[in-house]
Amino acid sequence: MTPVNSENYKDFAKNFINNFAPEILKAYLQQVELWVAKRTWLSKICLSFIVAFMDECVKPKVTWQHLAPHVDNLVAHVLFPLLCQSDEDLELFETDPAEYLHRKISKYLRFQFRRSGD
């Protein structure tokens, strides 16, 4: 990247973080709130992308200010349930451990492949 492009990128990044990211985060928080209340449906991959975006919002002060008040609820009602194994997961693990691993790993690889393909 040339110095001019690097400077343009920094300007764009700063503008995005200050003006767009907080609005996107607000919309995502609203969607997650509806999902937790079972008033809307979000796919697991959609939730994964929302969580990944929120992960990026932790460091910048302007986005952290919007995210911080929601952290306890996000952990309790989104992250913890997403990380817990369902009864179906446990049954598959007990009956067919190879298929269990295949499903878990392939889901992770699809997500990682999409992220690294950007």
PDB file of N, CA and C in Angstrom:
ATOM      1  N   MET A   1       0.856  -1.165   0.000  1.00  0.00           N
ATOM      2  CA  MET A   1       0.000   0.000   0.000  1.00  0.00           C
ATOM      3  C   MET A   1       0.903   1.229   0.000  1.00  0.00           C
ATOM      4  N   THR A   2       0.613   2.152  -0.890  1.00  0.00           N
ATOM      5  CA  THR A   2       1.403   3.369  -0.966  1.00  0.00           C
ATOM      6  C   THR A   2       1.034   4.285   0.194  1.00  0.00           C
ATOM      7  N   PRO A   3       1.919   5.229   0.518  1.00  0.00           N
ATOM      8  CA  PRO A   3       1.617   6.144   1.633  1.00  0.00           C
ATOM      9  C   PRO A   3       0.320   6.920   1.432  1.00  0.00           C
ATOM     10  N   VAL A   4       0.021   7.311   0.198  1.00  0.00           N
ATOM     11  CA  VAL A   4      -1.219   8.046  -0.067  1.00  0.00           C
ATOM     12  C   VAL A   4      -2.421   7.139   0.201  1.00  0.00           C
ATOM     13  N   ASN A   5      -2.373   5.906  -0.307  1.00  0.00           N
ATOM     14  CA  ASN A   5      -3.466   4.968  -0.066  1.00  0.00           C
ATOM     15  C   ASN A   5      -3.605   4.650   1.408  1.00  0.00           C
ATOM     16  N   SER A   6      -2.475   4.515   2.083  1.00  0.00           N
ATOM     17  CA  SER A   6      -2.494   4.230   3.510  1.00  0.00           C
ATOM     18  C   SER A   6      -3.186   5.359   4.271  1.00  0.00           C
ATOM     19  N   GLU A   7      -2.892   6.579   3.909  1.00  0.00           N
ATOM     20  CA  GLU A   7      -3.510   7.730   4.569  1.00  0.00           C
ATOM     21  C   GLU A   7      -5.005   7.780   4.263  1.00  0.00           C
ATOM     22  N   ASN A   8      -5.372   7.497   3.004  1.00  0.00           N
ATOM     23  CA  ASN A   8      -6.796   7.457   2.638  1.00  0.00           C
ATOM     24  C   ASN A   8      -7.525   6.368   3.416  1.00  0.00           C
ATOM     25  N   TYR A   9      -6.863   5.228   3.563  1.00  0.00           N
ATOM     26  CA  TYR A   9      -7.468   4.133   4.319  1.00  0.00           C
ATOM     27  C   TYR A   9      -7.686   4.542   5.774  1.00  0.00           C
ATOM     28  N   LYS A  10      -6.699   5.194   6.363  1.00  0.00           N
ATOM     29  CA  LYS A  10      -6.842   5.630   7.759  1.00  0.00           C
ATOM     30  C   LYS A  10      -8.014   6.592   7.901  1.00  0.00           C
ATOM     31  N   ASP A  11      -8.150   7.513   6.944  1.00  0.00           N
ATOM     32  CA  ASP A  11      -9.271   8.462   6.980  1.00  0.00           C
ATOM     33  C   ASP A  11     -10.605   7.726   6.852  1.00  0.00           C
ATOM     34  N   PHE A  12     -10.650   6.780   5.913  1.00  0.00           N
ATOM     35  CA  PHE A  12     -11.876   5.996   5.728  1.00  0.00           C
ATOM     36  C   PHE A  12     -12.201   5.205   6.991  1.00  0.00           C
ATOM     37  N   ALA A  13     -11.179   4.539   7.555  1.00  0.00           N
ATOM     38  CA  ALA A  13     -11.387   3.721   8.749  1.00  0.00           C
ATOM     39  C   ALA A  13     -11.905   4.572   9.908  1.00  0.00           C
ATOM     40  N   LYS A  14     -11.309   5.726  10.088  1.00  0.00           N
ATOM     41  CA  LYS A  14     -11.737   6.619  11.177  1.00  0.00           C
ATOM     42  C   LYS A  14     -13.186   7.069  10.959  1.00  0.00           C
ATOM     43  N   ASN A  15     -13.508   7.429   9.727  1.00  0.00           N
ATOM     44  CA  ASN A  15     -14.870   7.839   9.400  1.00  0.00           C
ATOM     45  C   ASN A  15     -15.853   6.694   9.624  1.00  0.00           C
ATOM     46  N   PHE A  16     -15.482   5.503   9.203  1.00  0.00           N
ATOM     47  CA  PHE A  16     -16.351   4.343   9.373  1.00  0.00           C
ATOM     48  C   PHE A  16     -16.587   4.061  10.850  1.00  0.00           C
ATOM     49  N   ILE A  17     -15.519   4.040  11.628  1.00  0.00           N
ATOM     50  CA  ILE A  17     -15.623   3.729  13.074  1.00  0.00           C
ATOM     51  C   ILE A  17     -16.478   4.773  13.791  1.00  0.00           C
ATOM     52  N   ASN A  18     -16.307   6.023  13.428  1.00  0.00           N
ATOM     53  CA  ASN A  18     -17.018   7.092  14.133  1.00  0.00           C
ATOM     54  C   ASN A  18     -18.457   7.288  13.679  1.00  0.00           C
ATOM     55  N   ASN A  19     -18.738   7.016  12.397  1.00  0.00           N
ATOM     56  CA  ASN A  19     -20.054   7.354  11.865  1.00  0.00           C
ATOM     57  C   ASN A  19     -20.929   6.159  11.502  1.00  0.00           C
ATOM     58  N   PHE A  20     -20.341   5.109  10.987  1.00  0.00           N
ATOM     59  CA  PHE A  20     -21.141   3.981  10.509  1.00  0.00           C
ATOM     60  C   PHE A  20     -21.216   2.837  11.511  1.00  0.00           C
ATOM     61  N   ALA A  21     -20.094   2.471  12.091  1.00  0.00           N
ATOM     62  CA  ALA A  21     -20.059   1.322  12.999  1.00  0.00           C
ATOM     63  C   ALA A  21     -21.044   1.453  14.163  1.00  0.00           C
ATOM     64  N   PRO A  22     -21.140   2.618  14.804  1.00  0.00           N
ATOM     65  CA  PRO A  22     -22.119   2.709  15.903  1.00  0.00           C
ATOM     66  C   PRO A  22     -23.560   2.470  15.447  1.00  0.00           C
ATOM     67  N   GLU A  23     -23.897   2.937  14.254  1.00  0.00           N
ATOM     68  CA  GLU A  23     -25.260   2.735  13.747  1.00  0.00           C
ATOM     69  C   GLU A  23     -25.506   1.271  13.391  1.00  0.00           C
ATOM     70  N   ILE A  24     -24.506   0.629  12.804  1.00  0.00           N
ATOM     71  CA  ILE A  24     -24.623  -0.801  12.504  1.00  0.00           C
ATOM     72  C   ILE A  24     -24.761  -1.580  13.800  1.00  0.00           C
ATOM     73  N   LEU A  25     -23.939  -1.233  14.784  1.00  0.00           N
ATOM     74  CA  LEU A  25     -23.991  -1.909  16.074  1.00  0.00           C
ATOM     75  C   LEU A  25     -25.365  -1.752  16.721  1.00  0.00           C
ATOM     76  N   LYS A  26     -25.932  -0.555  16.671  1.00  0.00           N
ATOM     77  CA  LYS A  26     -27.264  -0.339  17.234  1.00  0.00           C
ATOM     78  C   LYS A  26     -28.294  -1.248  16.554  1.00  0.00           C
ATOM     79  N   ALA A  27     -28.214  -1.346  15.243  1.00  0.00           N
ATOM     80  CA  ALA A  27     -29.154  -2.205  14.509  1.00  0.00           C
ATOM     81  C   ALA A  27     -28.960  -3.666  14.896  1.00  0.00           C
ATOM     82  N   TYR A  28     -27.710  -4.099  15.007  1.00  0.00           N
ATOM     83  CA  TYR A  28     -27.437  -5.479  15.412  1.00  0.00           C
ATOM     84  C   TYR A  28     -27.938  -5.749  16.823  1.00  0.00           C
ATOM     85  N   LEU A  29     -27.732  -4.810  17.726  1.00  0.00           N
ATOM     86  CA  LEU A  29     -28.212  -4.988  19.095  1.00  0.00           C
ATOM     87  C   LEU A  29     -29.734  -5.110  19.126  1.00  0.00           C
ATOM     88  N   GLN A  30     -30.419  -4.337  18.297  1.00  0.00           N
ATOM     89  CA  GLN A  30     -31.875  -4.428  18.225  1.00  0.00           C
ATOM     90  C   GLN A  30     -32.311  -5.794  17.701  1.00  0.00           C
ATOM     91  N   GLN A  31     -31.625  -6.288  16.679  1.00  0.00           N
ATOM     92  CA  GLN A  31     -31.965  -7.600  16.128  1.00  0.00           C
ATOM     93  C   GLN A  31     -31.706  -8.710  17.139  1.00  0.00           C
ATOM     94  N   VAL A  32     -30.605  -8.615  17.851  1.00  0.00           N
ATOM     95  CA  VAL A  32     -30.289  -9.621  18.868  1.00  0.00           C
ATOM     96  C   VAL A  32     -31.320  -9.575  19.992  1.00  0.00           C
ATOM     97  N   GLU A  33     -31.734  -8.380  20.374  1.00  0.00           N
ATOM     98  CA  GLU A  33     -32.765  -8.245  21.408  1.00  0.00           C
ATOM     99  C   GLU A  33     -34.065  -8.925  20.963  1.00  0.00           C
ATOM    100  N   LEU A  34     -34.440  -8.734  19.705  1.00  0.00           N
ATOM    101  CA  LEU A  34     -35.639  -9.400  19.172  1.00  0.00           C
ATOM    102  C   LEU A  34     -35.454 -10.914  19.136  1.00  0.00           C
ATOM    103  N   TRP A  35     -34.258 -11.365  18.784  1.00  0.00           N
ATOM    104  CA  TRP A  35     -33.975 -12.802  18.736  1.00  0.00           C
ATOM    105  C   TRP A  35     -34.050 -13.418  20.130  1.00  0.00           C
ATOM    106  N   VAL A  36     -33.478 -12.739  21.115  1.00  0.00           N
ATOM    107  CA  VAL A  36     -33.506 -13.243  22.494  1.00  0.00           C
ATOM    108  C   VAL A  36     -34.951 -13.326  22.987  1.00  0.00           C
ATOM    109  N   ALA A  37     -35.766 -12.345  22.604  1.00  0.00           N
ATOM    110  CA  ALA A  37     -37.178 -12.331  23.005  1.00  0.00           C
ATOM    111  C   ALA A  37     -38.030 -13.274  22.152  1.00  0.00           C
ATOM    112  N   LYS A  38     -37.385 -13.975  21.209  1.00  0.00           N
ATOM    113  CA  LYS A  38     -38.061 -14.914  20.304  1.00  0.00           C
ATOM    114  C   LYS A  38     -39.125 -14.222  19.448  1.00  0.00           C
ATOM    115  N   ARG A  39     -38.829 -12.966  19.085  1.00  0.00           N
ATOM    116  CA  ARG A  39     -39.731 -12.208  18.223  1.00  0.00           C
ATOM    117  C   ARG A  39     -39.235 -12.152  16.787  1.00  0.00           C
ATOM    118  N   THR A  40     -38.023 -12.694  16.551  1.00  0.00           N
ATOM    119  CA  THR A  40     -37.488 -12.810  15.198  1.00  0.00           C
ATOM    120  C   THR A  40     -36.555 -14.006  15.156  1.00  0.00           C
ATOM    121  N   TRP A  41     -36.244 -14.460  13.966  1.00  0.00           N
ATOM    122  CA  TRP A  41     -35.348 -15.600  13.789  1.00  0.00           C
ATOM    123  C   TRP A  41     -34.062 -15.109  13.160  1.00  0.00           C
ATOM    124  N   LEU A  42     -32.942 -15.581  13.679  1.00  0.00           N
ATOM    125  CA  LEU A  42     -31.631 -15.315  13.089  1.00  0.00           C
ATOM    126  C   LEU A  42     -30.926 -16.656  12.933  1.00  0.00           C
ATOM    127  N   SER A  43     -30.343 -16.887  11.774  1.00  0.00           N
ATOM    128  CA  SER A  43     -29.607 -18.130  11.559  1.00  0.00           C
ATOM    129  C   SER A  43     -28.330 -18.135  12.396  1.00  0.00           C
ATOM    130  N   LYS A  44     -27.768 -19.315  12.584  1.00  0.00           N
ATOM    131  CA  LYS A  44     -26.524 -19.416  13.355  1.00  0.00           C
ATOM    132  C   LYS A  44     -25.392 -18.662  12.678  1.00  0.00           C
ATOM    133  N   ILE A  45     -25.331 -18.714  11.357  1.00  0.00           N
ATOM    134  CA  ILE A  45     -24.256 -17.993  10.668  1.00  0.00           C
ATOM    135  C   ILE A  45     -24.458 -16.484  10.800  1.00  0.00           C
ATOM    136  N   CYS A  46     -25.706 -16.036  10.767  1.00  0.00           N
ATOM    137  CA  CYS A  46     -25.997 -14.613  10.978  1.00  0.00           C
ATOM    138  C   CYS A  46     -25.558 -14.192  12.378  1.00  0.00           C
ATOM    139  N   LEU A  47     -25.900 -14.993  13.362  1.00  0.00           N
ATOM    140  CA  LEU A  47     -25.457 -14.705  14.733  1.00  0.00           C
ATOM    141  C   LEU A  47     -23.938 -14.690  14.822  1.00  0.00           C
ATOM    142  N   SER A  48     -23.289 -15.602  14.114  1.00  0.00           N
ATOM    143  CA  SER A  48     -21.831 -15.649  14.125  1.00  0.00           C
ATOM    144  C   SER A  48     -21.235 -14.354  13.578  1.00  0.00           C
ATOM    145  N   PHE A  49     -21.810 -13.858  12.483  1.00  0.00           N
ATOM    146  CA  PHE A  49     -21.305 -12.611  11.905  1.00  0.00           C
ATOM    147  C   PHE A  49     -21.589 -11.417  12.821  1.00  0.00           C
ATOM    148  N   ILE A  50     -22.737 -11.414  13.468  1.00  0.00           N
ATOM    149  CA  ILE A  50     -23.057 -10.335  14.411  1.00  0.00           C
ATOM    150  C   ILE A  50     -22.076 -10.358  15.582  1.00  0.00           C
ATOM    151  N   VAL A  51     -21.822 -11.546  16.122  1.00  0.00           N
ATOM    152  CA  VAL A  51     -20.871 -11.662  17.238  1.00  0.00           C
ATOM    153  C   VAL A  51     -19.474 -11.238  16.788  1.00  0.00           C
ATOM    154  N   ALA A  52     -19.080 -11.613  15.571  1.00  0.00           N
ATOM    155  CA  ALA A  52     -17.761 -11.206  15.050  1.00  0.00           C
ATOM    156  C   ALA A  52     -17.681  -9.686  14.921  1.00  0.00           C
ATOM    157  N   PHE A  53     -18.753  -9.058  14.460  1.00  0.00           N
ATOM    158  CA  PHE A  53     -18.773  -7.594  14.362  1.00  0.00           C
ATOM    159  C   PHE A  53     -18.675  -6.970  15.745  1.00  0.00           C
ATOM    160  N   MET A  54     -19.430  -7.518  16.689  1.00  0.00           N
ATOM    161  CA  MET A  54     -19.379  -6.988  18.056  1.00  0.00           C
ATOM    162  C   MET A  54     -17.994  -7.158  18.657  1.00  0.00           C
ATOM    163  N   ASP A  55     -17.335  -8.243  18.325  1.00  0.00           N
ATOM    164  CA  ASP A  55     -15.966  -8.465  18.782  1.00  0.00           C
ATOM    165  C   ASP A  55     -15.052  -7.331  18.296  1.00  0.00           C
ATOM    166  N   GLU A  56     -15.262  -6.889  17.075  1.00  0.00           N
ATOM    167  CA  GLU A  56     -14.461  -5.790  16.526  1.00  0.00           C
ATOM    168  C   GLU A  56     -14.836  -4.450  17.160  1.00  0.00           C
ATOM    169  N   CYS A  57     -16.009  -4.380  17.767  1.00  0.00           N
ATOM    170  CA  CYS A  57     -16.484  -3.135  18.383  1.00  0.00           C
ATOM    171  C   CYS A  57     -15.993  -2.949  19.816  1.00  0.00           C
ATOM    172  N   VAL A  58     -15.266  -3.912  20.344  1.00  0.00           N
ATOM    173  CA  VAL A  58     -14.805  -3.815  21.729  1.00  0.00           C
ATOM    174  C   VAL A  58     -13.691  -2.772  21.863  1.00  0.00           C
ATOM    175  N   LYS A  59     -12.773  -2.746  20.928  1.00  0.00           N
ATOM    176  CA  LYS A  59     -11.600  -1.877  21.062  1.00  0.00           C
ATOM    177  C   LYS A  59     -11.864  -0.388  20.822  1.00  0.00           C
ATOM    178  N   PRO A  60     -12.533   0.000  19.726  1.00  0.00           N
ATOM    179  CA  PRO A  60     -12.752   1.438  19.520  1.00  0.00           C
ATOM    180  C   PRO A  60     -13.669   2.019  20.594  1.00  0.00           C
ATOM    181  N   LYS A  61     -13.251   3.114  21.160  1.00  0.00           N
ATOM    182  CA  LYS A  61     -13.998   3.728  22.254  1.00  0.00           C
ATOM    183  C   LYS A  61     -15.432   4.080  21.853  1.00  0.00           C
ATOM    184  N   VAL A  62     -15.601   4.608  20.662  1.00  0.00           N
ATOM    185  CA  VAL A  62     -16.923   5.057  20.228  1.00  0.00           C
ATOM    186  C   VAL A  62     -17.906   3.887  20.125  1.00  0.00           C
ATOM    187  N   THR A  63     -17.461   2.722  19.693  1.00  0.00           N
ATOM    188  CA  THR A  63     -18.368   1.575  19.623  1.00  0.00           C
ATOM    189  C   THR A  63     -18.495   0.882  20.970  1.00  0.00           C
ATOM    190  N   TRP A  64     -17.406   0.868  21.735  1.00  0.00           N
ATOM    191  CA  TRP A  64     -17.469   0.244  23.065  1.00  0.00           C
ATOM    192  C   TRP A  64     -18.506   0.945  23.939  1.00  0.00           C
ATOM    193  N   GLN A  65     -18.627   2.261  23.799  1.00  0.00           N
ATOM    194  CA  GLN A  65     -19.612   3.003  24.596  1.00  0.00           C
ATOM    195  C   GLN A  65     -21.035   2.508  24.325  1.00  0.00           C
ATOM    196  N   HIS A  66     -21.305   2.073  23.100  1.00  0.00           N
ATOM    197  CA  HIS A  66     -22.629   1.541  22.764  1.00  0.00           C
ATOM    198  C   HIS A  66     -22.774   0.083  23.201  1.00  0.00           C
ATOM    199  N   LEU A  67     -21.665  -0.648  23.160  1.00  0.00           N
ATOM    200  CA  LEU A  67     -21.703  -2.080  23.444  1.00  0.00           C
ATOM    201  C   LEU A  67     -21.673  -2.381  24.948  1.00  0.00           C
ATOM    202  N   ALA A  68     -20.917  -1.627  25.693  1.00  0.00           N
ATOM    203  CA  ALA A  68     -20.674  -1.907  27.117  1.00  0.00           C
ATOM    204  C   ALA A  68     -21.947  -2.133  27.944  1.00  0.00           C
ATOM    205  N   PRO A  69     -22.975  -1.304  27.794  1.00  0.00           N
ATOM    206  CA  PRO A  69     -24.171  -1.526  28.616  1.00  0.00           C
ATOM    207  C   PRO A  69     -24.886  -2.856  28.337  1.00  0.00           C
ATOM    208  N   HIS A  70     -24.563  -3.494  27.218  1.00  0.00           N
ATOM    209  CA  HIS A  70     -25.257  -4.720  26.816  1.00  0.00           C
ATOM    210  C   HIS A  70     -24.450  -5.991  27.075  1.00  0.00           C
ATOM    211  N   VAL A  71     -23.217  -5.853  27.537  1.00  0.00           N
ATOM    212  CA  VAL A  71     -22.316  -6.999  27.631  1.00  0.00           C
ATOM    213  C   VAL A  71     -22.881  -8.109  28.516  1.00  0.00           C
ATOM    214  N   ASP A  72     -23.368  -7.787  29.696  1.00  0.00           N
ATOM    215  CA  ASP A  72     -23.897  -8.826  30.590  1.00  0.00           C
ATOM    216  C   ASP A  72     -25.032  -9.607  29.935  1.00  0.00           C
ATOM    217  N   ASN A  73     -25.964  -8.891  29.315  1.00  0.00           N
ATOM    218  CA  ASN A  73     -27.080  -9.567  28.643  1.00  0.00           C
ATOM    219  C   ASN A  73     -26.609 -10.367  27.438  1.00  0.00           C
ATOM    220  N   LEU A  74     -25.644  -9.833  26.691  1.00  0.00           N
ATOM    221  CA  LEU A  74     -25.123 -10.563  25.532  1.00  0.00           C
ATOM    222  C   LEU A  74     -24.455 -11.867  25.961  1.00  0.00           C
ATOM    223  N   VAL A  75     -23.684 -11.806  27.022  1.00  0.00           N
ATOM    224  CA  VAL A  75     -23.026 -13.019  27.511  1.00  0.00           C
ATOM    225  C   VAL A  75     -24.067 -14.027  27.995  1.00  0.00           C
ATOM    226  N   ALA A  76     -25.008 -13.564  28.787  1.00  0.00           N
ATOM    227  CA  ALA A  76     -25.995 -14.468  29.385  1.00  0.00           C
ATOM    228  C   ALA A  76     -26.976 -15.044  28.370  1.00  0.00           C
ATOM    229  N   HIS A  77     -27.419 -14.230  27.421  1.00  0.00           N
ATOM    230  CA  HIS A  77     -28.516 -14.654  26.551  1.00  0.00           C
ATOM    231  C   HIS A  77     -28.106 -14.979  25.115  1.00  0.00           C
ATOM    232  N   VAL A  78     -26.859 -14.667  24.739  1.00  0.00           N
ATOM    233  CA  VAL A  78     -26.413 -14.953  23.375  1.00  0.00           C
ATOM    234  C   VAL A  78     -25.170 -15.842  23.388  1.00  0.00           C
ATOM    235  N   LEU A  79     -24.091 -15.336  23.941  1.00  0.00           N
ATOM    236  CA  LEU A  79     -22.825 -16.070  23.865  1.00  0.00           C
ATOM    237  C   LEU A  79     -22.866 -17.398  24.605  1.00  0.00           C
ATOM    238  N   PHE A  80     -23.304 -17.383  25.847  1.00  0.00           N
ATOM    239  CA  PHE A  80     -23.342 -18.629  26.616  1.00  0.00           C
ATOM    240  C   PHE A  80     -24.236 -19.678  25.943  1.00  0.00           C
ATOM    241  N   PRO A  81     -25.469 -19.330  25.556  1.00  0.00           N
ATOM    242  CA  PRO A  81     -26.296 -20.341  24.876  1.00  0.00           C
ATOM    243  C   PRO A  81     -25.686 -20.833  23.556  1.00  0.00           C
ATOM    244  N   LEU A  82     -25.034 -19.939  22.822  1.00  0.00           N
ATOM    245  CA  LEU A  82     -24.417 -20.365  21.561  1.00  0.00           C
ATOM    246  C   LEU A  82     -23.263 -21.332  21.798  1.00  0.00           C
ATOM    247  N   LEU A  83     -22.561 -21.156  22.902  1.00  0.00           N
ATOM    248  CA  LEU A  83     -21.407 -22.006  23.192  1.00  0.00           C
ATOM    249  C   LEU A  83     -21.797 -23.323  23.853  1.00  0.00           C
ATOM    250  N   CYS A  84     -22.970 -23.376  24.447  1.00  0.00           N
ATOM    251  CA  CYS A  84     -23.419 -24.606  25.101  1.00  0.00           C
ATOM    252  C   CYS A  84     -23.839 -25.639  24.055  1.00  0.00           C
ATOM    253  N   GLN A  85     -23.659 -26.879  24.419  1.00  0.00           N
ATOM    254  CA  GLN A  85     -24.075 -27.982  23.557  1.00  0.00           C
ATOM    255  C   GLN A  85     -25.559 -28.240  23.759  1.00  0.00           C
ATOM    256  N   SER A  86     -26.252 -28.461  22.673  1.00  0.00           N
ATOM    257  CA  SER A  86     -27.679 -28.802  22.760  1.00  0.00           C
ATOM    258  C   SER A  86     -27.816 -30.290  23.063  1.00  0.00           C
ATOM    259  N   ASP A  87     -29.034 -30.697  23.402  1.00  0.00           N
ATOM    260  CA  ASP A  87     -29.295 -32.130  23.615  1.00  0.00           C
ATOM    261  C   ASP A  87     -29.000 -32.917  22.339  1.00  0.00           C
ATOM    262  N   GLU A  88     -29.335 -32.316  21.193  1.00  0.00           N
ATOM    263  CA  GLU A  88     -29.055 -32.958  19.905  1.00  0.00           C
ATOM    264  C   GLU A  88     -27.549 -33.127  19.703  1.00  0.00           C
ATOM    265  N   ASP A  89     -26.766 -32.095  20.056  1.00  0.00           N
ATOM    266  CA  ASP A  89     -25.303 -32.184  19.955  1.00  0.00           C
ATOM    267  C   ASP A  89     -24.764 -33.321  20.819  1.00  0.00           C
ATOM    268  N   LEU A  90     -25.257 -33.382  22.050  1.00  0.00           N
ATOM    269  CA  LEU A  90     -24.777 -34.418  22.969  1.00  0.00           C
ATOM    270  C   LEU A  90     -25.153 -35.815  22.493  1.00  0.00           C
ATOM    271  N   GLU A  91     -26.369 -35.961  21.983  1.00  0.00           N
ATOM    272  CA  GLU A  91     -26.788 -37.265  21.482  1.00  0.00           C
ATOM    273  C   GLU A  91     -25.941 -37.689  20.278  1.00  0.00           C
ATOM    274  N   LEU A  92     -25.687 -36.751  19.371  1.00  0.00           N
ATOM    275  CA  LEU A  92     -24.859 -37.070  18.207  1.00  0.00           C
ATOM    276  C   LEU A  92     -23.444 -37.439  18.640  1.00  0.00           C
ATOM    277  N   PHE A  93     -22.912 -36.720  19.613  1.00  0.00           N
ATOM    278  CA  PHE A  93     -21.570 -37.028  20.119  1.00  0.00           C
ATOM    279  C   PHE A  93     -21.512 -38.447  20.681  1.00  0.00           C
ATOM    280  N   GLU A  94     -22.549 -38.835  21.396  1.00  0.00           N
ATOM    281  CA  GLU A  94     -22.574 -40.172  22.000  1.00  0.00           C
ATOM    282  C   GLU A  94     -22.812 -41.276  20.981  1.00  0.00           C
ATOM    283  N   THR A  95     -23.645 -41.000  19.967  1.00  0.00           N
ATOM    284  CA  THR A  95     -23.979 -42.044  18.995  1.00  0.00           C
ATOM    285  C   THR A  95     -23.038 -42.100  17.806  1.00  0.00           C
ATOM    286  N   ASP A  96     -22.519 -40.942  17.391  1.00  0.00           N
ATOM    287  CA  ASP A  96     -21.653 -40.904  16.204  1.00  0.00           C
ATOM    288  C   ASP A  96     -20.619 -39.787  16.366  1.00  0.00           C
ATOM    289  N   PRO A  97     -19.571 -40.029  17.174  1.00  0.00           N
ATOM    290  CA  PRO A  97     -18.572 -38.987  17.444  1.00  0.00           C
ATOM    291  C   PRO A  97     -17.905 -38.425  16.183  1.00  0.00           C
ATOM    292  N   ALA A  98     -17.698 -39.272  15.187  1.00  0.00           N
ATOM    293  CA  ALA A  98     -17.058 -38.799  13.955  1.00  0.00           C
ATOM    294  C   ALA A  98     -17.957 -37.787  13.233  1.00  0.00           C
ATOM    295  N   GLU A  99     -19.251 -38.068  13.163  1.00  0.00           N
ATOM    296  CA  GLU A  99     -20.185 -37.147  12.514  1.00  0.00           C
ATOM    297  C   GLU A  99     -20.314 -35.852  13.323  1.00  0.00           C
ATOM    298  N   TYR A 100     -20.309 -35.968  14.639  1.00  0.00           N
ATOM    299  CA  TYR A 100     -20.344 -34.789  15.506  1.00  0.00           C
ATOM    300  C   TYR A 100     -19.174 -33.864  15.183  1.00  0.00           C
ATOM    301  N   LEU A 101     -17.973 -34.417  15.141  1.00  0.00           N
ATOM    302  CA  LEU A 101     -16.782 -33.620  14.821  1.00  0.00           C
ATOM    303  C   LEU A 101     -16.865 -33.042  13.414  1.00  0.00           C
ATOM    304  N   HIS A 102     -17.331 -33.846  12.479  1.00  0.00           N
ATOM    305  CA  HIS A 102     -17.458 -33.380  11.096  1.00  0.00           C
ATOM    306  C   HIS A 102     -18.366 -32.152  11.029  1.00  0.00           C
ATOM    307  N   ARG A 103     -19.512 -32.221  11.679  1.00  0.00           N
ATOM    308  CA  ARG A 103     -20.457 -31.093  11.657  1.00  0.00           C
ATOM    309  C   ARG A 103     -19.872 -29.851  12.322  1.00  0.00           C
ATOM    310  N   LYS A 104     -19.279 -30.039  13.485  1.00  0.00           N
ATOM    311  CA  LYS A 104     -18.716 -28.895  14.209  1.00  0.00           C
ATOM    312  C   LYS A 104     -17.557 -28.275  13.447  1.00  0.00           C
ATOM    313  N   ILE A 105     -16.674 -29.102  12.935  1.00  0.00           N
ATOM    314  CA  ILE A 105     -15.507 -28.594  12.225  1.00  0.00           C
ATOM    315  C   ILE A 105     -15.907 -27.976  10.893  1.00  0.00           C
ATOM    316  N   SER A 106     -16.811 -28.605  10.161  1.00  0.00           N
ATOM    317  CA  SER A 106     -17.193 -28.058   8.858  1.00  0.00           C
ATOM    318  C   SER A 106     -17.910 -26.717   9.018  1.00  0.00           C
ATOM    319  N   LYS A 107     -18.712 -26.568  10.072  1.00  0.00           N
ATOM    320  CA  LYS A 107     -19.376 -25.291  10.323  1.00  0.00           C
ATOM    321  C   LYS A 107     -18.331 -24.214  10.596  1.00  0.00           C
ATOM    322  N   TYR A 108     -17.351 -24.547  11.405  1.00  0.00           N
ATOM    323  CA  TYR A 108     -16.289 -23.604  11.734  1.00  0.00           C
ATOM    324  C   TYR A 108     -15.479 -23.265  10.483  1.00  0.00           C
ATOM    325  N   LEU A 109     -15.138 -24.275   9.691  1.00  0.00           N
ATOM    326  CA  LEU A 109     -14.330 -24.041   8.490  1.00  0.00           C
ATOM    327  C   LEU A 109     -15.081 -23.193   7.472  1.00  0.00           C
ATOM    328  N   ARG A 110     -16.391 -23.420   7.312  1.00  0.00           N
ATOM    329  CA  ARG A 110     -17.170 -22.592   6.386  1.00  0.00           C
ATOM    330  C   ARG A 110     -17.128 -21.142   6.827  1.00  0.00           C
ATOM    331  N   PHE A 111     -17.285 -20.912   8.127  1.00  0.00           N
ATOM    332  CA  PHE A 111     -17.256 -19.554   8.646  1.00  0.00           C
ATOM    333  C   PHE A 111     -15.877 -18.941   8.454  1.00  0.00           C
ATOM    334  N   GLN A 112     -14.829 -19.677   8.782  1.00  0.00           N
ATOM    335  CA  GLN A 112     -13.466 -19.177   8.627  1.00  0.00           C
ATOM    336  C   GLN A 112     -13.139 -18.931   7.164  1.00  0.00           C
ATOM    337  N   PHE A 113     -13.574 -19.813   6.283  1.00  0.00           N
ATOM    338  CA  PHE A 113     -13.316 -19.658   4.863  1.00  0.00           C
ATOM    339  C   PHE A 113     -13.960 -18.362   4.349  1.00  0.00           C
ATOM    340  N   ARG A 114     -15.169 -18.099   4.780  1.00  0.00           N
ATOM    341  CA  ARG A 114     -15.846 -16.868   4.367  1.00  0.00           C
ATOM    342  C   ARG A 114     -15.112 -15.639   4.880  1.00  0.00           C
ATOM    343  N   ARG A 115     -14.619 -15.692   6.114  1.00  0.00           N
ATOM    344  CA  ARG A 115     -13.906 -14.552   6.688  1.00  0.00           C
ATOM    345  C   ARG A 115     -12.573 -14.340   5.996  1.00  0.00           C
ATOM    346  N   SER A 116     -11.846 -15.434   5.696  1.00  0.00           N
ATOM    347  CA  SER A 116     -10.525 -15.300   5.094  1.00  0.00           C
ATOM    348  C   SER A 116     -10.610 -14.992   3.611  1.00  0.00           C
ATOM    349  N   GLY A 117     -11.760 -15.210   2.992  1.00  0.00           N
ATOM    350  CA  GLY A 117     -11.926 -14.954   1.569  1.00  0.00           C
ATOM    351  C   GLY A 117     -12.150 -13.491   1.245  1.00  0.00           C
ATOM    352  N   ASP A 118     -12.278 -12.657   2.247  1.00  0.00           N
ATOM    353  CA  ASP A 118     -12.513 -11.218   2.014  1.00  0.00           C
ATOM    354  C   ASP A 118     -11.311 -10.551   1.417  1.00  0.00           C
TER     355      ASP A 118
END
